[in-house]
Amino acid sequence: MPGATASRPPAPRPPDPRPLTGEPLALDLLNTRWTQDGGVRDLLGDREGAAVWLAANGLDGRFAADEATLRHLLDARDAIEAAVDGTRTERLDRVLGHGRIRPTLTAEGPGERAEFADETWGPAWLAARNFLELLATAPDRIRGCAHETCTLHFFDTSRNGARRWCSMATCGNRAKASRHHARSKEA
């Protein structure tokens, strides 16, 4: 048809390069910084990485990956990390100050909706709120990987609560190989 312009599908986003995904929102935000090949990688180094993270968590339809959202995500990541380490909780409180839960009544019954005075705080606030939910559910199940060079975190959902590694296939096997190598040198 003359004069008509074909709409192009959106450009595909780059794949999520992180070694561990799918954790609860707060821990998934922590896992945007990880060690690989002796160096530190950071998914939130730019807006494109923020867009990947938002998409991975189903938040890309509601929030934009702009500079303000990225800055707030970095603030929330640092605040959650400080709270996990037990060093500073006031940073998390500051992030939580940018939103609230509003009770609602829907056709299905009582509900809740998160509200933000500034939508660019939305993803950061949701991650901080999720951290509180994890603390209320099972604080002892929030774990850092036991491998000495790994910086990743996970929520232990194993039956007996004995998970030690972010991934048995990577960090768990590395630890086993290291122990085997040490034993073979002693023999």
Protein backbone atom coordinates (compact mmCIF):
# COMPACT_ATOMS: atom_id res chain seq x y z
CA MET A 1 0.00 0.00 0.00
CA PRO A 2 1.62 3.30 -1.07
CA GLY A 3 2.49 5.74 1.68
CA ALA A 4 1.99 3.18 4.45
CA THR A 5 4.89 2.49 6.72
CA ALA A 6 5.42 -0.93 8.14
CA SER A 7 5.86 -0.98 11.87
CA ARG A 8 9.04 -2.66 12.96
CA PRO A 9 9.14 -5.00 15.88
CA PRO A 10 11.19 -3.68 18.79
CA ALA A 11 14.88 -4.52 18.64
CA PRO A 12 15.65 -7.65 20.63
CA ARG A 13 17.26 -7.06 24.00
CA PRO A 14 20.61 -8.65 24.64
CA PRO A 15 20.38 -11.84 26.69
CA ASP A 16 20.85 -11.68 30.43
CA PRO A 17 24.55 -12.53 30.93
CA ARG A 18 24.36 -13.24 34.66
CA PRO A 19 25.29 -16.70 35.92
CA LEU A 20 22.37 -16.83 38.40
CA THR A 21 18.89 -15.53 37.64
CA GLY A 22 15.40 -16.25 38.88
CA GLU A 23 16.00 -15.47 42.53
CA PRO A 24 13.49 -13.32 44.45
CA LEU A 25 13.55 -9.70 43.27
CA ALA A 26 15.79 -8.36 46.07
CA LEU A 27 18.44 -11.05 45.59
CA ASP A 28 18.15 -10.86 41.82
CA LEU A 29 19.02 -7.16 42.13
CA LEU A 30 22.06 -8.05 44.28
CA ASN A 31 23.11 -10.55 41.62
CA THR A 32 23.47 -7.81 39.00
CA ARG A 33 27.10 -7.58 40.14
CA TRP A 34 29.18 -10.76 40.01
CA THR A 35 32.73 -12.03 39.58
CA GLN A 36 33.77 -13.68 36.35
CA ASP A 37 37.18 -14.55 34.95
CA GLY A 38 38.91 -12.79 37.82
CA GLY A 39 37.04 -9.51 37.38
CA VAL A 40 33.81 -7.89 38.50
CA ARG A 41 30.94 -7.60 36.01
CA ASP A 42 28.02 -5.24 36.54
CA LEU A 43 24.78 -5.58 34.60
CA LEU A 44 23.71 -2.16 35.88
CA GLY A 45 26.65 -0.38 34.31
CA ASP A 46 24.31 1.33 31.85
CA ARG A 47 20.66 1.81 30.88
CA GLU A 48 20.73 -1.18 28.53
CA GLY A 49 21.66 -3.43 31.44
CA ALA A 50 18.86 -1.91 33.51
CA ALA A 51 16.48 -2.72 30.64
CA VAL A 52 17.68 -6.34 30.66
CA TRP A 53 17.10 -6.56 34.43
CA LEU A 54 13.65 -4.97 34.23
CA ALA A 55 12.66 -7.40 31.45
CA ALA A 56 14.04 -10.40 33.35
CA ASN A 57 11.77 -9.50 36.25
CA GLY A 58 8.66 -8.63 34.26
CA LEU A 59 8.92 -4.93 35.14
CA ASP A 60 9.72 -3.55 31.68
CA GLY A 61 6.07 -2.99 30.78
CA ARG A 62 5.56 -0.74 33.80
CA PHE A 63 8.88 1.05 34.28
CA ALA A 64 11.34 2.71 31.89
CA ALA A 65 15.07 1.99 31.94
CA ASP A 66 16.04 5.66 32.18
CA GLU A 67 18.92 7.29 34.05
CA ALA A 68 16.84 8.02 37.17
CA THR A 69 15.55 4.44 37.42
CA LEU A 70 19.09 3.11 36.97
CA ARG A 71 20.42 5.44 39.68
CA HIS A 72 17.67 4.33 42.09
CA LEU A 73 18.31 0.66 41.32
CA LEU A 74 21.97 1.16 42.19
CA ASP A 75 20.96 2.86 45.46
CA ALA A 76 18.63 -0.03 46.30
CA ARG A 77 21.26 -2.65 45.42
CA ASP A 78 23.77 -0.99 47.74
CA ALA A 79 21.13 -0.67 50.48
CA ILE A 80 20.11 -4.34 50.22
CA GLU A 81 23.76 -5.41 50.21
CA ALA A 82 24.41 -3.38 53.38
CA ALA A 83 21.31 -4.90 55.02
CA VAL A 84 22.35 -8.45 54.05
CA ASP A 85 25.78 -7.79 55.55
CA GLY A 86 24.06 -6.42 58.66
CA THR A 87 26.10 -3.24 58.53
CA ARG A 88 23.58 -0.50 57.69
CA THR A 89 19.80 -0.68 57.61
CA GLU A 90 19.00 3.03 57.35
CA ARG A 91 19.88 2.98 53.64
CA LEU A 92 17.12 0.45 53.02
CA ASP A 93 14.70 2.58 55.02
CA ARG A 94 15.50 5.55 52.77
CA VAL A 95 14.66 3.52 49.65
CA LEU A 96 11.45 2.29 51.26
CA GLY A 97 10.49 5.90 51.97
CA HIS A 98 9.83 6.40 48.24
CA GLY A 99 6.74 4.19 48.07
CA ARG A 100 3.89 2.72 50.01
CA ILE A 101 1.34 -0.06 49.92
CA ARG A 102 -2.21 1.11 49.37
CA PRO A 103 -5.00 -1.26 50.42
CA THR A 104 -7.58 -1.80 47.68
CA LEU A 105 -10.86 -3.60 47.17
CA THR A 106 -11.17 -5.47 43.90
CA ALA A 107 -13.79 -7.75 42.41
CA GLU A 108 -11.77 -10.66 43.85
CA GLY A 109 -11.72 -9.13 47.32
CA PRO A 110 -9.19 -7.18 49.42
CA GLY A 111 -5.86 -6.42 47.78
CA GLU A 112 -2.85 -4.17 47.82
CA ARG A 113 -1.17 -1.91 45.30
CA ALA A 114 2.26 -0.32 45.45
CA GLU A 115 2.26 3.44 44.88
CA PHE A 116 5.17 5.79 44.24
CA ALA A 117 5.32 9.58 44.24
CA ASP A 118 8.03 9.20 41.57
CA GLU A 119 7.67 6.14 39.30
CA THR A 120 11.43 6.01 38.73
CA TRP A 121 11.71 4.67 42.30
CA GLY A 122 9.28 1.81 41.54
CA PRO A 123 11.69 -1.04 40.71
CA ALA A 124 14.10 -0.07 43.49
CA TRP A 125 11.28 0.15 46.02
CA LEU A 126 9.80 -3.18 44.94
CA ALA A 127 13.18 -4.87 45.42
CA ALA A 128 13.62 -3.29 48.88
CA ARG A 129 10.09 -4.33 49.85
CA ASN A 130 10.81 -7.87 48.63
CA PHE A 131 13.85 -7.97 50.91
CA LEU A 132 11.58 -7.21 53.88
CA GLU A 133 9.25 -10.02 52.77
CA LEU A 134 12.20 -12.45 52.65
CA LEU A 135 13.27 -11.35 56.12
CA ALA A 136 9.73 -11.90 57.42
CA THR A 137 9.49 -15.32 55.74
CA ALA A 138 12.83 -16.97 56.50
CA PRO A 139 15.82 -14.69 57.18
CA ASP A 140 18.10 -17.68 57.70
CA ARG A 141 17.43 -18.80 54.11
CA ILE A 142 18.98 -15.66 52.60
CA ARG A 143 22.48 -16.83 51.73
CA GLY A 144 25.64 -15.84 49.96
CA CYS A 145 27.35 -18.52 47.92
CA ALA A 146 29.92 -20.46 49.99
CA HIS A 147 32.56 -20.35 47.23
CA GLU A 148 35.27 -17.92 48.32
CA THR A 149 35.35 -15.96 45.05
CA CYS A 150 31.61 -15.89 44.37
CA THR A 151 29.54 -12.84 45.26
CA LEU A 152 26.09 -14.21 44.34
CA HIS A 153 23.14 -14.57 46.72
CA PHE A 154 20.21 -16.96 46.77
CA PHE A 155 17.13 -17.81 48.78
CA ASP A 156 17.52 -21.40 49.96
CA THR A 157 14.35 -23.27 49.08
CA SER A 158 15.82 -26.73 49.66
CA ARG A 159 13.83 -28.97 51.97
CA ASN A 160 16.49 -29.20 54.67
CA GLY A 161 17.89 -25.68 54.22
CA ALA A 162 21.40 -26.93 53.56
CA ARG A 163 22.11 -25.34 50.16
CA ARG A 164 25.59 -23.81 50.10
CA TRP A 165 26.25 -22.88 46.48
CA CYS A 166 24.65 -20.49 44.04
CA SER A 167 24.97 -23.36 41.57
CA MET A 168 26.23 -26.87 42.18
CA ALA A 169 27.23 -27.03 38.51
CA THR A 170 29.65 -24.12 38.85
CA CYS A 171 30.68 -23.12 42.37
CA GLY A 172 29.89 -26.49 43.96
CA ASN A 173 31.94 -28.38 41.39
CA ARG A 174 34.81 -25.88 41.67
CA ALA A 175 34.95 -26.44 45.42
CA LYS A 176 34.88 -30.22 44.99
CA ALA A 177 37.64 -30.07 42.37
CA SER A 178 39.72 -27.82 44.60
CA ARG A 179 39.38 -30.22 47.56
CA HIS A 180 40.24 -33.19 45.32
CA HIS A 181 43.30 -31.39 43.98
CA ALA A 182 44.46 -30.54 47.51
CA ARG A 183 44.02 -34.17 48.65
CA SER A 184 45.93 -35.52 45.63
CA LYS A 185 48.85 -33.15 46.35
CA GLU A 186 49.03 -34.43 49.95
CA ALA A 187 49.21 -38.05 48.86
